[in-house]
Amino acid sequence: SIFQGKPWKCVNEVRAHGGEITDIALYETPDSCIVASSGRDRMVQLFERRDDSLQLLQTMDDHVGSVGQLLFVNGGERLLSSSADRTVLIRERVTREIDGATAIAYMISKVITLRSSPVSMSLSPDDPDSIIFSTIDRCVQQYEMSSGRHVHSFRAADSESNDTVVMGSLTVTSAISGQNPKMLIGVSGTDKSIRSEEH
């Protein structure tokens, strides 16, 4: 192991939320690391790692329900947050120079309102404008990120019993021409299964 003989050590700790933290996401730039966290307190916090410390850059309090998941998109150009309030907020990164330093913030550019609260979300590697959600009503929904348009939906059903399930921890694979089709894979806590769907 490359870590053998080199134990991990805590170099910084920061109190980020007033409730349980639900997700963390990061992206790296050539000279820094940007960290976003979400919580049941409805907040999204944005930090920058500088010299072994985390500096708070922005507090985003736009959701009215618990924030469940975060995704940085296109190398940090966008930050997506999904919430129990049935919305997914798409924020665009904006920068400006202040006293010779570059300040970073994320501003809302689009709100996607779902029919039911999202459980998990994933990007499609073959289509950077496509985002896929599983929702608490046992559906899987596909939306177009740029327009917010609903593209497709289906229920995650068991082929034998026809029972529907809630899909969590979604991921989408790339299609390999002539070998493997695009696959959507998720786990279901409803019946303790792993489900895969072919495209």
Protein backbone atom coordinates (compact mmCIF):
# COMPACT_ATOMS: atom_id res chain seq x y z
CA SER A 1 0.00 0.00 0.00
CA ILE A 2 1.28 3.48 -0.87
CA PHE A 3 -0.01 4.68 2.50
CA GLN A 4 1.87 2.05 4.52
CA GLY A 5 3.77 3.69 7.35
CA LYS A 6 2.13 7.06 6.67
CA PRO A 7 -0.93 7.37 8.90
CA TRP A 8 -3.61 9.93 8.11
CA LYS A 9 -3.74 12.89 10.48
CA CYS A 10 -6.34 15.59 10.94
CA VAL A 11 -4.96 18.96 9.84
CA ASN A 12 -8.16 21.00 10.08
CA GLU A 13 -11.65 20.79 11.47
CA VAL A 14 -14.44 23.29 10.97
CA ARG A 15 -18.01 23.45 12.22
CA ALA A 16 -19.93 23.67 8.95
CA HIS A 17 -23.62 23.06 9.69
CA GLY A 18 -26.25 23.33 12.38
CA GLY A 19 -27.66 19.91 11.45
CA GLU A 20 -26.51 16.56 10.12
CA ILE A 21 -24.19 16.86 7.11
CA THR A 22 -25.64 14.90 4.19
CA ASP A 23 -23.03 15.22 1.42
CA ILE A 24 -19.68 16.68 0.46
CA ALA A 25 -18.27 17.43 -2.99
CA LEU A 26 -15.01 18.93 -4.18
CA TYR A 27 -13.12 20.04 -7.21
CA GLU A 28 -9.48 20.93 -7.54
CA THR A 29 -7.95 23.86 -9.35
CA PRO A 30 -4.23 24.16 -10.12
CA ASP A 31 -3.65 26.09 -6.90
CA SER A 32 -6.53 25.26 -4.54
CA CYS A 33 -9.29 22.85 -3.64
CA ILE A 34 -12.94 23.93 -3.41
CA VAL A 35 -15.17 21.99 -1.01
CA ALA A 36 -18.97 22.14 -0.80
CA SER A 37 -21.04 20.57 1.98
CA SER A 38 -24.78 20.18 2.44
CA GLY A 39 -26.93 19.50 5.47
CA ARG A 40 -30.32 18.90 6.98
CA ASP A 41 -30.18 22.54 8.08
CA ARG A 42 -31.08 23.43 4.43
CA MET A 43 -27.67 25.01 3.87
CA VAL A 44 -24.94 24.55 1.28
CA GLN A 45 -21.54 25.79 2.47
CA LEU A 46 -18.62 26.54 0.17
CA PHE A 47 -15.03 26.38 1.43
CA GLU A 48 -11.59 26.76 -0.05
CA ARG A 49 -8.66 24.80 1.30
CA ARG A 50 -5.73 27.13 1.86
CA ASP A 51 -2.54 26.21 3.71
CA ASP A 52 -4.11 23.25 5.56
CA SER A 53 -7.14 25.30 6.62
CA LEU A 54 -10.68 25.57 5.28
CA GLN A 55 -11.85 29.13 4.61
CA LEU A 56 -15.60 29.74 4.26
CA LEU A 57 -16.32 31.39 0.89
CA GLN A 58 -20.11 31.34 0.70
CA THR A 59 -23.23 30.23 2.56
CA MET A 60 -26.14 29.28 0.30
CA ASP A 61 -29.52 29.15 2.03
CA ASP A 62 -31.84 28.98 -0.98
CA HIS A 63 -33.47 25.61 -0.21
CA VAL A 64 -36.43 25.31 2.17
CA GLY A 65 -35.87 21.60 2.88
CA SER A 66 -32.99 19.34 3.79
CA VAL A 67 -30.28 19.29 1.10
CA GLY A 68 -29.46 15.70 0.18
CA GLN A 69 -26.80 15.70 -2.53
CA LEU A 70 -24.25 17.92 -4.26
CA LEU A 71 -22.52 17.62 -7.63
CA PHE A 72 -19.84 19.77 -9.20
CA VAL A 73 -20.18 19.76 -12.99
CA ASN A 74 -17.76 20.63 -15.82
CA GLY A 75 -14.71 21.14 -13.64
CA GLY A 76 -16.56 23.22 -11.09
CA GLU A 77 -18.32 25.50 -13.57
CA ARG A 78 -21.65 24.45 -12.04
CA LEU A 79 -22.76 23.28 -8.62
CA LEU A 80 -25.97 21.25 -8.33
CA SER A 81 -27.84 20.71 -5.08
CA SER A 82 -30.93 18.53 -4.60
CA SER A 83 -33.36 18.96 -1.74
CA ALA A 84 -36.34 17.43 0.01
CA ASP A 85 -38.19 20.60 -1.07
CA ARG A 86 -38.46 18.87 -4.52
CA THR A 87 -36.05 21.28 -6.19
CA VAL A 88 -32.66 20.93 -7.79
CA LEU A 89 -30.76 24.22 -7.93
CA ILE A 90 -28.21 24.72 -10.69
CA ARG A 91 -25.65 27.36 -9.78
CA GLU A 92 -23.04 28.88 -12.09
CA ARG A 93 -19.56 29.75 -10.84
CA VAL A 94 -18.73 33.45 -10.95
CA THR A 95 -15.36 34.99 -10.17
CA ARG A 96 -14.05 38.48 -9.61
CA GLU A 97 -10.75 40.01 -8.67
CA ILE A 98 -10.55 41.58 -5.21
CA ASP A 99 -7.25 43.12 -4.11
CA GLY A 100 -5.33 40.92 -6.53
CA ALA A 101 -7.04 37.69 -5.40
CA THR A 102 -9.75 35.77 -7.23
CA ALA A 103 -13.03 35.45 -5.30
CA ILE A 104 -15.34 32.55 -6.18
CA ALA A 105 -19.11 32.31 -5.65
CA TYR A 106 -22.02 30.33 -7.10
CA MET A 107 -25.19 32.04 -8.32
CA ILE A 108 -28.48 30.30 -9.15
CA SER A 109 -29.05 30.05 -12.90
CA LYS A 110 -31.88 27.51 -13.01
CA VAL A 111 -34.36 25.77 -10.72
CA ILE A 112 -35.66 22.32 -11.63
CA THR A 113 -38.84 21.42 -9.73
CA LEU A 114 -39.49 17.69 -9.52
CA ARG A 115 -42.79 15.93 -8.93
CA SER A 116 -41.39 14.28 -5.80
CA SER A 117 -38.37 14.68 -3.53
CA PRO A 118 -35.08 13.51 -5.08
CA VAL A 119 -33.18 10.66 -3.44
CA SER A 120 -30.12 10.52 -5.70
CA MET A 121 -28.79 12.19 -8.83
CA SER A 122 -26.17 11.31 -11.41
CA LEU A 123 -24.74 12.71 -14.62
CA SER A 124 -24.62 10.77 -17.87
CA PRO A 125 -20.99 10.44 -19.08
CA ASP A 126 -22.16 10.30 -22.72
CA ASP A 127 -24.34 13.41 -22.45
CA PRO A 128 -23.01 16.26 -20.29
CA ASP A 129 -26.37 18.08 -20.49
CA SER A 130 -28.33 15.12 -19.09
CA ILE A 131 -29.01 14.67 -15.38
CA ILE A 132 -30.83 11.69 -13.91
CA PHE A 133 -32.71 11.62 -10.60
CA SER A 134 -34.33 8.92 -8.53
CA THR A 135 -37.26 10.22 -6.53
CA ILE A 136 -39.10 9.14 -3.41
CA ASP A 137 -42.18 8.17 -5.47
CA ARG A 138 -40.12 5.27 -6.95
CA CYS A 139 -39.47 6.93 -10.30
CA VAL A 140 -36.29 7.64 -12.23
CA GLN A 141 -36.40 10.98 -14.05
CA GLN A 142 -34.17 12.38 -16.78
CA TYR A 143 -33.86 16.15 -17.27
CA GLU A 144 -31.98 18.43 -19.62
CA MET A 145 -29.72 20.62 -17.50
CA SER A 146 -29.47 23.62 -19.83
CA SER A 147 -33.23 24.05 -20.29
CA GLY A 148 -34.60 22.30 -17.20
CA ARG A 149 -36.84 20.26 -19.53
CA HIS A 150 -38.16 16.88 -18.43
CA VAL A 151 -37.02 14.28 -20.99
CA HIS A 152 -38.05 10.86 -19.73
CA SER A 153 -39.19 8.94 -16.67
CA PHE A 154 -39.89 5.36 -15.67
CA ARG A 155 -40.64 3.38 -12.54
CA ALA A 156 -37.95 1.10 -11.14
CA ALA A 157 -39.90 -2.17 -11.05
CA ASP A 158 -38.97 -5.75 -10.22
CA SER A 159 -39.32 -7.85 -13.40
CA GLU A 160 -40.68 -10.84 -11.46
CA SER A 161 -43.05 -9.31 -8.92
CA ASN A 162 -43.61 -5.93 -10.66
CA ASP A 163 -43.02 -4.26 -7.28
CA THR A 164 -41.59 -0.75 -7.55
CA VAL A 165 -38.66 0.43 -5.44
CA VAL A 166 -36.85 3.63 -4.52
CA MET A 167 -33.44 3.76 -6.21
CA GLY A 168 -30.57 5.34 -4.33
CA SER A 169 -26.89 6.01 -5.15
CA LEU A 170 -27.45 6.18 -8.90
CA THR A 171 -24.62 5.94 -11.40
CA VAL A 172 -24.63 5.84 -15.19
CA THR A 173 -22.03 4.03 -17.29
CA SER A 174 -20.77 4.96 -20.73
CA ALA A 175 -21.98 2.99 -23.73
CA ILE A 176 -19.25 1.01 -25.52
CA SER A 177 -20.15 0.62 -29.19
CA GLY A 178 -20.65 -3.03 -30.15
CA GLN A 179 -19.95 -4.25 -26.62
CA ASN A 180 -21.96 -2.78 -23.77
CA PRO A 181 -25.03 -0.52 -23.84
CA LYS A 182 -25.37 2.45 -21.51
CA MET A 183 -26.39 1.22 -18.05
CA LEU A 184 -28.07 2.95 -15.13
CA ILE A 185 -27.26 1.25 -11.85
CA GLY A 186 -28.68 1.97 -8.42
CA VAL A 187 -29.19 0.36 -5.06
CA SER A 188 -32.56 -0.05 -3.42
CA GLY A 189 -32.93 0.06 0.34
CA THR A 190 -36.59 -0.84 -0.20
CA ASP A 191 -35.80 -4.48 -1.01
CA LYS A 192 -31.99 -4.52 -0.44
CA SER A 193 -31.22 -5.01 -4.14
CA ILE A 194 -28.89 -3.66 -6.80
CA ARG A 195 -30.79 -2.72 -9.96
CA SER A 196 -29.42 -2.14 -13.46
CA GLU A 197 -31.33 -0.74 -16.43
CA GLU A 198 -30.17 -0.89 -20.05
CA HIS A 199 -30.56 2.13 -22.34
